[in-house]
Amino acid sequence: MPLQFLQQIAQTPAPTFQEDRRARLMAQLWRELGYAPEHDEVGNVLVRIAPGRPQAGARGPLLLASHLDTVFGPHTDVQVRTGPGRWFGPGLGDNSSSLAVLTALLRDLDPATLSAPLWVAANVGEEGLGDLRGAKHLLARHAHELGAFVAVDGYLGSAVTQAVGVRRYQAHFSGPGGHSWGEAVPSAVHALGVATAALYALPRPSHPRTTLNVGVVSGGSTVNSIAAAASLLLDLRSLGGTELEALDRQAVDALYTAAQQVGVTLELERVGDRPGGPLNTAELLPLAQSAARTVGLELRPAASSTDANAAAPYGLPALAVGVYRGGHAHREDEWVDPRSHAQGLTFLQALVANYQR
């Protein structure tokens, strides 16, 4: 059962940019199963399994990748609470459950049955400002060798077939600051407010779906001080490449206009760029659908932002599939159904087997 590994993985903290401890755990677990994990420059853990019965004309390697990182800080209590129908814990599903199922796949795998290579990765940097750092690195280095890429991430029964494009910016407004009863000088917080209002006033099409979110704001020092500094983090998303480019230009213009209007300076940094568009699923999706039917499931096509986005620029067959049931992702009361992981494992095993044919 994948539950053999789940608690140990989930109770090992792995904030984005601080995945080292969990990466070492995954390497240890995979080493104990008889594999030879590699660590790359950005922190990914990779196992490459040669086929036991190689065949001429076989597909290139299938890479299954699950991200190591969670959205929770290093001091979050990640203790898992178990029960008969639900287990609870921060990051227990996203993405500890996927890593546990992937590890169970390695435990049960007989390489002698493989006709094409199988690669398995635990990668860094999927969440937040990680910007798909691990998946981008894997694909930049290995896309020319691979036959397909599957991100193991999400709920059982889902199949991400379209990558949602994402742009993210950090905007830092700065001014002279001063006493609130003193000489009138421009406020960085004022500029942030003007910018936020202007951003939300930007037109956004409903088709293709396009969204804008100011997710984090900070600034100022005391109630009676004119703010010398203020910052925001902006998230832009769209199913359309043209629409995302247009919103990007308009958002950048709104930020600079707000700074100029109020009289402060703006430092703007793009901190996220996730490629979007339809994934190349024509060959891979039928294999996943057939695997799902073996466990009594019908896959639901979905659009999302996952590590599979990183494959889009290469035209590599790619997909993201889930292997557990649960809810409340990105919340400290996240839960999973512990009975679902066995079904997820059987589905993933069937997908690997289908790829070999």
Protein backbone atom coordinates (compact mmCIF):
# COMPACT_ATOMS: atom_id res chain seq x y z
CA MET A 1 0.00 0.00 0.00
CA PRO A 2 1.23 3.56 -0.71
CA LEU A 3 0.24 4.43 2.88
CA GLN A 4 3.46 2.70 3.91
CA PHE A 5 5.29 5.85 2.80
CA LEU A 6 2.69 8.60 3.13
CA GLN A 7 3.09 9.70 6.74
CA GLN A 8 6.87 9.82 6.59
CA ILE A 9 6.81 11.94 3.44
CA ALA A 10 4.04 14.28 4.63
CA GLN A 11 5.71 14.84 8.01
CA THR A 12 8.95 15.94 6.35
CA PRO A 13 8.62 19.71 5.70
CA ALA A 14 9.31 20.88 2.16
CA PRO A 15 8.56 24.59 1.62
CA THR A 16 9.30 25.85 -1.86
CA PHE A 17 13.06 26.62 -2.11
CA GLN A 18 13.63 24.48 1.01
CA GLU A 19 12.93 20.99 -0.33
CA ASP A 20 16.34 19.52 0.58
CA ARG A 21 15.18 17.49 3.55
CA ARG A 22 12.34 15.83 1.67
CA ALA A 23 14.56 15.31 -1.37
CA ARG A 24 17.02 13.41 0.81
CA LEU A 25 14.16 11.31 2.20
CA MET A 26 12.92 10.42 -1.28
CA ALA A 27 16.42 9.46 -2.37
CA GLN A 28 16.78 7.30 0.73
CA LEU A 29 13.44 5.56 0.17
CA TRP A 30 14.23 4.89 -3.47
CA ARG A 31 17.73 3.69 -2.63
CA GLU A 32 16.28 1.25 -0.09
CA LEU A 33 14.09 -0.11 -2.87
CA GLY A 34 17.20 -0.95 -4.87
CA TYR A 35 17.45 2.04 -7.20
CA ALA A 36 20.26 4.52 -7.79
CA PRO A 37 18.79 8.02 -7.41
CA GLU A 38 20.61 11.01 -8.89
CA HIS A 39 20.55 14.57 -7.55
CA ASP A 40 20.79 17.38 -10.10
CA GLU A 41 21.92 20.99 -9.79
CA VAL A 42 18.55 22.43 -8.76
CA GLY A 43 17.62 19.73 -6.23
CA ASN A 44 15.57 17.23 -8.25
CA VAL A 45 15.87 13.53 -7.45
CA LEU A 46 15.81 11.27 -10.52
CA VAL A 47 15.78 7.51 -11.01
CA ARG A 48 16.35 6.08 -14.50
CA ILE A 49 15.27 2.48 -15.06
CA ALA A 50 16.48 0.63 -18.13
CA PRO A 51 14.04 -1.76 -19.83
CA GLY A 52 14.48 -5.43 -19.00
CA ARG A 53 13.26 -6.49 -22.45
CA PRO A 54 14.21 -3.62 -24.79
CA GLN A 55 12.53 -3.67 -28.16
CA ALA A 56 13.53 -2.05 -31.43
CA GLY A 57 11.32 0.93 -32.13
CA ALA A 58 10.18 1.26 -28.52
CA ARG A 59 9.16 4.69 -27.29
CA GLY A 60 11.64 6.96 -25.59
CA PRO A 61 11.69 7.14 -21.78
CA LEU A 62 8.44 7.89 -19.94
CA LEU A 63 9.18 10.41 -17.18
CA LEU A 64 6.81 10.41 -14.19
CA ALA A 65 7.38 13.45 -11.96
CA SER A 66 5.87 14.50 -8.63
CA HIS A 67 6.80 17.78 -7.00
CA LEU A 68 8.44 17.81 -3.59
CA ASP A 69 7.38 21.23 -2.37
CA THR A 70 4.35 22.41 -0.42
CA VAL A 71 2.86 25.86 0.13
CA PHE A 72 3.48 25.74 3.88
CA GLY A 73 6.27 27.46 5.79
CA PRO A 74 9.04 25.61 7.64
CA HIS A 75 7.39 26.02 11.04
CA THR A 76 3.96 24.64 10.08
CA ASP A 77 2.86 21.66 12.16
CA VAL A 78 2.79 18.88 9.56
CA GLN A 79 1.75 16.09 11.91
CA VAL A 80 -0.66 13.69 10.16
CA ARG A 81 -3.92 12.85 11.92
CA THR A 82 -5.28 9.47 10.86
CA GLY A 83 -8.82 8.12 10.90
CA PRO A 84 -10.81 5.32 9.27
CA GLY A 85 -12.19 7.40 6.39
CA ARG A 86 -9.99 10.50 6.26
CA TRP A 87 -6.45 11.49 7.08
CA PHE A 88 -5.61 15.13 7.69
CA GLY A 89 -2.44 17.20 7.43
CA PRO A 90 -0.92 20.18 5.59
CA GLY A 91 0.34 19.02 2.22
CA LEU A 92 -0.91 15.49 2.85
CA GLY A 93 -2.47 15.33 -0.59
CA ASP A 94 -0.63 18.01 -2.56
CA ASN A 95 1.78 16.54 -3.14
CA SER A 96 2.80 13.98 -0.48
CA SER A 97 0.18 11.48 -1.66
CA SER A 98 1.52 11.59 -5.22
CA LEU A 99 5.07 11.01 -3.98
CA ALA A 100 3.86 8.08 -1.86
CA VAL A 101 2.06 6.47 -4.82
CA LEU A 102 5.10 7.01 -7.03
CA THR A 103 7.29 5.33 -4.42
CA ALA A 104 4.89 2.39 -4.19
CA LEU A 105 5.08 2.10 -7.98
CA LEU A 106 8.86 1.74 -7.70
CA ARG A 107 8.48 -0.78 -4.88
CA ASP A 108 6.22 -3.04 -6.95
CA LEU A 109 7.90 -2.54 -10.31
CA ASP A 110 9.60 -5.42 -12.11
CA PRO A 111 12.05 -3.80 -14.56
CA ALA A 112 12.10 -7.06 -16.50
CA THR A 113 8.61 -6.21 -17.75
CA LEU A 114 9.69 -2.89 -19.29
CA SER A 115 10.23 -2.58 -23.02
CA ALA A 116 10.94 1.17 -22.86
CA PRO A 117 12.86 3.12 -20.22
CA LEU A 118 11.01 4.49 -17.21
CA TRP A 119 12.26 7.57 -15.37
CA VAL A 120 10.83 8.74 -12.04
CA ALA A 121 11.52 12.17 -10.53
CA ALA A 122 10.77 14.04 -7.33
CA ASN A 123 11.17 17.63 -8.46
CA VAL A 124 11.49 20.98 -6.77
CA GLY A 125 9.75 24.29 -7.30
CA GLU A 126 6.20 23.63 -8.49
CA GLU A 127 4.34 25.74 -5.93
CA GLY A 128 4.20 29.51 -5.48
CA LEU A 129 7.22 31.37 -6.82
CA GLY A 130 9.01 28.13 -7.62
CA ASP A 131 7.95 28.79 -11.24
CA LEU A 132 8.25 25.09 -12.21
CA ARG A 133 11.98 25.36 -11.61
CA GLY A 134 12.52 21.62 -11.23
CA ALA A 135 10.38 20.51 -14.17
CA LYS A 136 11.82 23.22 -16.41
CA HIS A 137 15.33 22.03 -15.57
CA LEU A 138 14.49 18.38 -16.23
CA LEU A 139 12.96 19.17 -19.59
CA ALA A 140 15.62 21.65 -20.68
CA ARG A 141 18.18 18.92 -20.08
CA HIS A 142 16.28 15.80 -21.18
CA ALA A 143 13.33 16.68 -23.47
CA HIS A 144 15.26 15.53 -26.54
CA GLU A 145 15.66 12.08 -24.97
CA LEU A 146 12.16 11.58 -23.62
CA GLY A 147 9.14 9.94 -25.19
CA ALA A 148 6.58 11.50 -22.82
CA PHE A 149 6.25 13.47 -19.59
CA VAL A 150 3.55 12.86 -16.96
CA ALA A 151 3.18 15.09 -13.91
CA VAL A 152 1.71 12.99 -11.10
CA ASP A 153 -0.23 15.63 -9.24
CA GLY A 154 -3.88 16.20 -8.40
CA TYR A 155 -7.02 14.25 -7.66
CA LEU A 156 -7.80 10.78 -8.96
CA GLY A 157 -9.89 10.94 -12.11
CA SER A 158 -8.49 14.23 -13.39
CA ALA A 159 -6.30 14.61 -16.47
CA VAL A 160 -4.82 18.02 -17.26
CA THR A 161 -4.79 18.32 -21.05
CA GLN A 162 -4.42 22.09 -21.35
CA ALA A 163 -1.80 24.17 -19.60
CA VAL A 164 -2.94 27.47 -18.12
CA GLY A 165 -0.34 30.12 -18.92
CA VAL A 166 0.81 32.15 -15.93
CA ARG A 167 2.78 35.39 -15.53
CA ARG A 168 3.73 36.70 -12.11
CA TYR A 169 5.22 40.03 -11.07
CA GLN A 170 6.62 41.54 -7.91
CA ALA A 171 6.14 45.30 -7.85
CA HIS A 172 8.05 47.40 -5.30
CA PHE A 173 7.05 51.05 -4.89
CA SER A 174 9.41 53.40 -3.03
CA GLY A 175 9.35 57.05 -2.00
CA PRO A 176 11.00 59.39 0.48
CA GLY A 177 8.76 58.57 3.44
CA GLY A 178 8.25 60.93 6.35
CA HIS A 179 6.01 62.00 9.22
CA SER A 180 2.28 61.91 8.52
CA TRP A 181 1.89 65.48 9.94
CA GLY A 182 5.00 66.77 8.26
CA GLU A 183 5.74 67.87 4.73
CA ALA A 184 3.45 66.27 2.17
CA VAL A 185 5.39 63.66 0.22
CA PRO A 186 4.14 60.81 -1.97
CA SER A 187 3.26 57.56 -0.24
CA ALA A 188 4.30 54.17 -1.57
CA VAL A 189 1.15 52.67 -0.08
CA HIS A 190 -0.93 55.24 -1.98
CA ALA A 191 0.75 54.13 -5.21
CA LEU A 192 0.10 50.50 -4.36
CA GLY A 193 -3.58 51.26 -3.83
CA VAL A 194 -3.88 53.17 -7.09
CA ALA A 195 -2.11 50.36 -8.91
CA THR A 196 -4.32 47.67 -7.39
CA ALA A 197 -7.50 49.54 -8.35
CA ALA A 198 -6.20 50.05 -11.88
CA LEU A 199 -5.24 46.39 -12.22
CA TYR A 200 -8.68 45.14 -11.22
CA ALA A 201 -10.28 47.61 -13.65
CA LEU A 202 -8.48 46.05 -16.61
CA PRO A 203 -10.82 44.27 -19.06
CA ARG A 204 -10.46 40.50 -19.08
CA PRO A 205 -12.18 38.16 -21.52
CA SER A 206 -14.34 35.37 -20.19
CA HIS A 207 -13.47 33.22 -23.23
CA PRO A 208 -10.77 32.10 -23.15
CA ARG A 209 -10.82 32.31 -19.38
CA THR A 210 -8.38 34.99 -18.17
CA THR A 211 -7.81 36.02 -14.55
CA LEU A 212 -5.89 38.58 -12.51
CA ASN A 213 -5.11 38.47 -8.81
CA VAL A 214 -3.13 40.66 -6.43
CA GLY A 215 -2.30 37.92 -3.96
CA VAL A 216 0.11 39.53 -1.48
CA VAL A 217 0.57 43.16 -0.40
CA SER A 218 2.88 44.69 2.17
CA GLY A 219 4.27 48.08 3.09
CA GLY A 220 4.51 50.95 5.49
CA SER A 221 5.97 51.03 8.97
CA THR A 222 3.75 52.90 11.43
CA VAL A 223 0.32 54.49 11.42
CA ASN A 224 1.81 57.98 11.60
CA SER A 225 4.48 57.52 8.94
CA ILE A 226 4.12 58.11 5.22
CA ALA A 227 5.09 54.81 3.69
CA ALA A 228 8.52 54.75 2.07
CA ALA A 229 8.03 51.28 0.63
CA ALA A 230 5.19 49.00 -0.45
CA SER A 231 5.06 45.83 -2.53
CA LEU A 232 2.57 43.57 -4.23
CA LEU A 233 2.63 40.19 -5.94
CA LEU A 234 0.53 39.91 -9.08
CA ASP A 235 -0.73 36.71 -10.73
CA LEU A 236 -1.99 36.75 -14.33
CA ARG A 237 -3.47 33.64 -15.99
CA SER A 238 -5.14 32.73 -19.25
CA LEU A 239 -6.03 29.79 -21.44
CA GLY A 240 -5.11 31.96 -24.44
CA GLY A 241 -1.57 32.98 -25.26
CA THR A 242 -2.61 36.16 -27.07
CA GLU A 243 -4.90 37.15 -24.21
CA LEU A 244 -2.19 36.57 -21.62
CA GLU A 245 0.28 38.69 -23.58
CA ALA A 246 -2.27 41.51 -23.85
CA LEU A 247 -3.11 41.40 -20.14
CA ASP A 248 0.59 41.31 -19.30
CA ARG A 249 1.25 44.51 -21.28
CA GLN A 250 -1.76 46.28 -19.78
CA ALA A 251 -0.85 45.25 -16.23
CA VAL A 252 2.75 46.43 -16.56
CA ASP A 253 1.52 49.75 -17.98
CA ALA A 254 -0.97 50.15 -15.10
CA LEU A 255 1.78 49.60 -12.52
CA TYR A 256 4.14 52.17 -14.05
CA THR A 257 1.31 54.66 -14.58
CA ALA A 258 0.29 54.39 -10.90
CA ALA A 259 3.85 55.03 -9.75
CA GLN A 260 4.19 58.04 -12.04
CA GLN A 261 0.80 59.42 -11.03
CA VAL A 262 1.60 59.32 -7.31
CA GLY A 263 5.24 60.36 -7.72
CA VAL A 264 7.13 57.30 -6.47
CA THR A 265 9.54 54.93 -8.16
CA LEU A 266 8.72 51.41 -9.25
CA GLU A 267 10.96 48.36 -9.39
CA LEU A 268 9.19 45.61 -11.32
CA GLU A 269 10.40 42.02 -11.57
CA ARG A 270 8.80 39.15 -13.43
CA VAL A 271 8.97 36.30 -10.92
CA GLY A 272 6.95 33.69 -12.78
CA ASP A 273 6.46 32.60 -16.37
CA ARG A 274 4.65 29.29 -16.86
CA PRO A 275 4.10 28.44 -20.53
CA GLY A 276 0.53 27.64 -21.48
CA GLY A 277 -1.47 26.15 -24.31
CA PRO A 278 -2.82 22.74 -25.30
CA LEU A 279 -0.58 19.89 -24.23
CA ASN A 280 0.40 17.29 -26.79
CA THR A 281 -1.95 14.59 -25.48
CA ALA A 282 -3.08 12.84 -28.68
CA GLU A 283 -0.92 9.79 -28.03
CA LEU A 284 -0.78 9.86 -24.25
CA LEU A 285 -4.38 10.61 -23.25
CA PRO A 286 -5.86 7.38 -24.73
CA LEU A 287 -3.28 5.39 -22.75
CA ALA A 288 -4.33 7.18 -19.55
CA GLN A 289 -8.03 6.76 -20.32
CA SER A 290 -7.55 3.04 -20.88
CA ALA A 291 -5.62 2.80 -17.59
CA ALA A 292 -8.39 4.63 -15.76
CA ARG A 293 -11.02 2.22 -17.03
CA THR A 294 -9.11 -0.67 -15.47
CA VAL A 295 -9.96 0.81 -12.06
CA GLY A 296 -13.49 1.86 -12.98
CA LEU A 297 -12.79 5.53 -13.67
CA GLU A 298 -13.47 7.93 -16.51
CA LEU A 299 -10.87 10.67 -16.74
CA ARG A 300 -12.10 14.26 -16.67
CA PRO A 301 -10.10 16.55 -18.98
CA ALA A 302 -9.09 19.74 -17.19
CA ALA A 303 -7.12 22.94 -17.66
CA SER A 304 -4.64 23.78 -14.92
CA SER A 305 -1.13 24.97 -14.14
CA THR A 306 1.10 22.01 -13.26
CA ASP A 307 4.60 20.77 -13.96
CA ALA A 308 3.23 19.53 -17.30
CA ASN A 309 3.26 23.19 -18.43
CA ALA A 310 7.02 22.92 -18.68
CA ALA A 311 6.68 20.40 -21.52
CA ALA A 312 4.55 22.67 -23.70
CA PRO A 313 7.41 24.55 -25.44
CA TYR A 314 8.97 21.25 -26.54
CA GLY A 315 5.88 19.69 -28.11
CA LEU A 316 6.59 16.63 -25.96
CA PRO A 317 3.58 14.37 -25.25
CA ALA A 318 2.57 15.45 -21.75
CA LEU A 319 -0.21 15.12 -19.23
CA ALA A 320 -0.89 15.65 -15.54
CA VAL A 321 -2.88 12.98 -13.70
CA GLY A 322 -4.04 12.55 -10.11
CA VAL A 323 -3.69 9.44 -7.97
CA TYR A 324 -5.68 10.08 -4.77
CA ARG A 325 -8.96 11.50 -3.50
CA GLY A 326 -9.06 14.38 -1.08
CA GLY A 327 -9.89 18.03 -0.52
CA HIS A 328 -8.89 21.37 1.01
CA ALA A 329 -5.59 21.55 -0.88
CA HIS A 330 -3.32 24.41 0.25
CA ARG A 331 -5.08 24.49 3.64
CA GLU A 332 -3.77 23.19 6.93
CA ASP A 333 -6.83 20.94 7.24
CA GLU A 334 -6.16 19.24 3.90
CA TRP A 335 -7.53 15.70 3.85
CA VAL A 336 -7.19 12.54 1.81
CA ASP A 337 -9.15 9.31 1.61
CA PRO A 338 -6.57 6.67 2.60
CA ARG A 339 -8.47 4.01 0.65
CA SER A 340 -7.97 5.87 -2.63
CA HIS A 341 -4.20 5.51 -2.90
CA ALA A 342 -4.35 1.81 -3.81
CA GLN A 343 -6.68 2.65 -6.69
CA GLY A 344 -4.35 5.45 -7.75
CA LEU A 345 -1.41 3.05 -7.70
CA THR A 346 -3.22 0.51 -9.88
CA PHE A 347 -4.13 3.28 -12.33
CA LEU A 348 -0.52 4.49 -12.54
CA GLN A 349 0.77 0.95 -12.98
CA ALA A 350 -1.70 0.43 -15.84
CA LEU A 351 -0.59 3.70 -17.46
CA VAL A 352 3.05 2.60 -17.35
CA ALA A 353 2.10 -0.82 -18.76
CA ASN A 354 0.08 0.77 -21.58
CA TYR A 355 3.04 2.97 -22.49
CA GLN A 356 5.20 -0.13 -22.91
CA ARG A 357 2.98 -1.62 -25.60
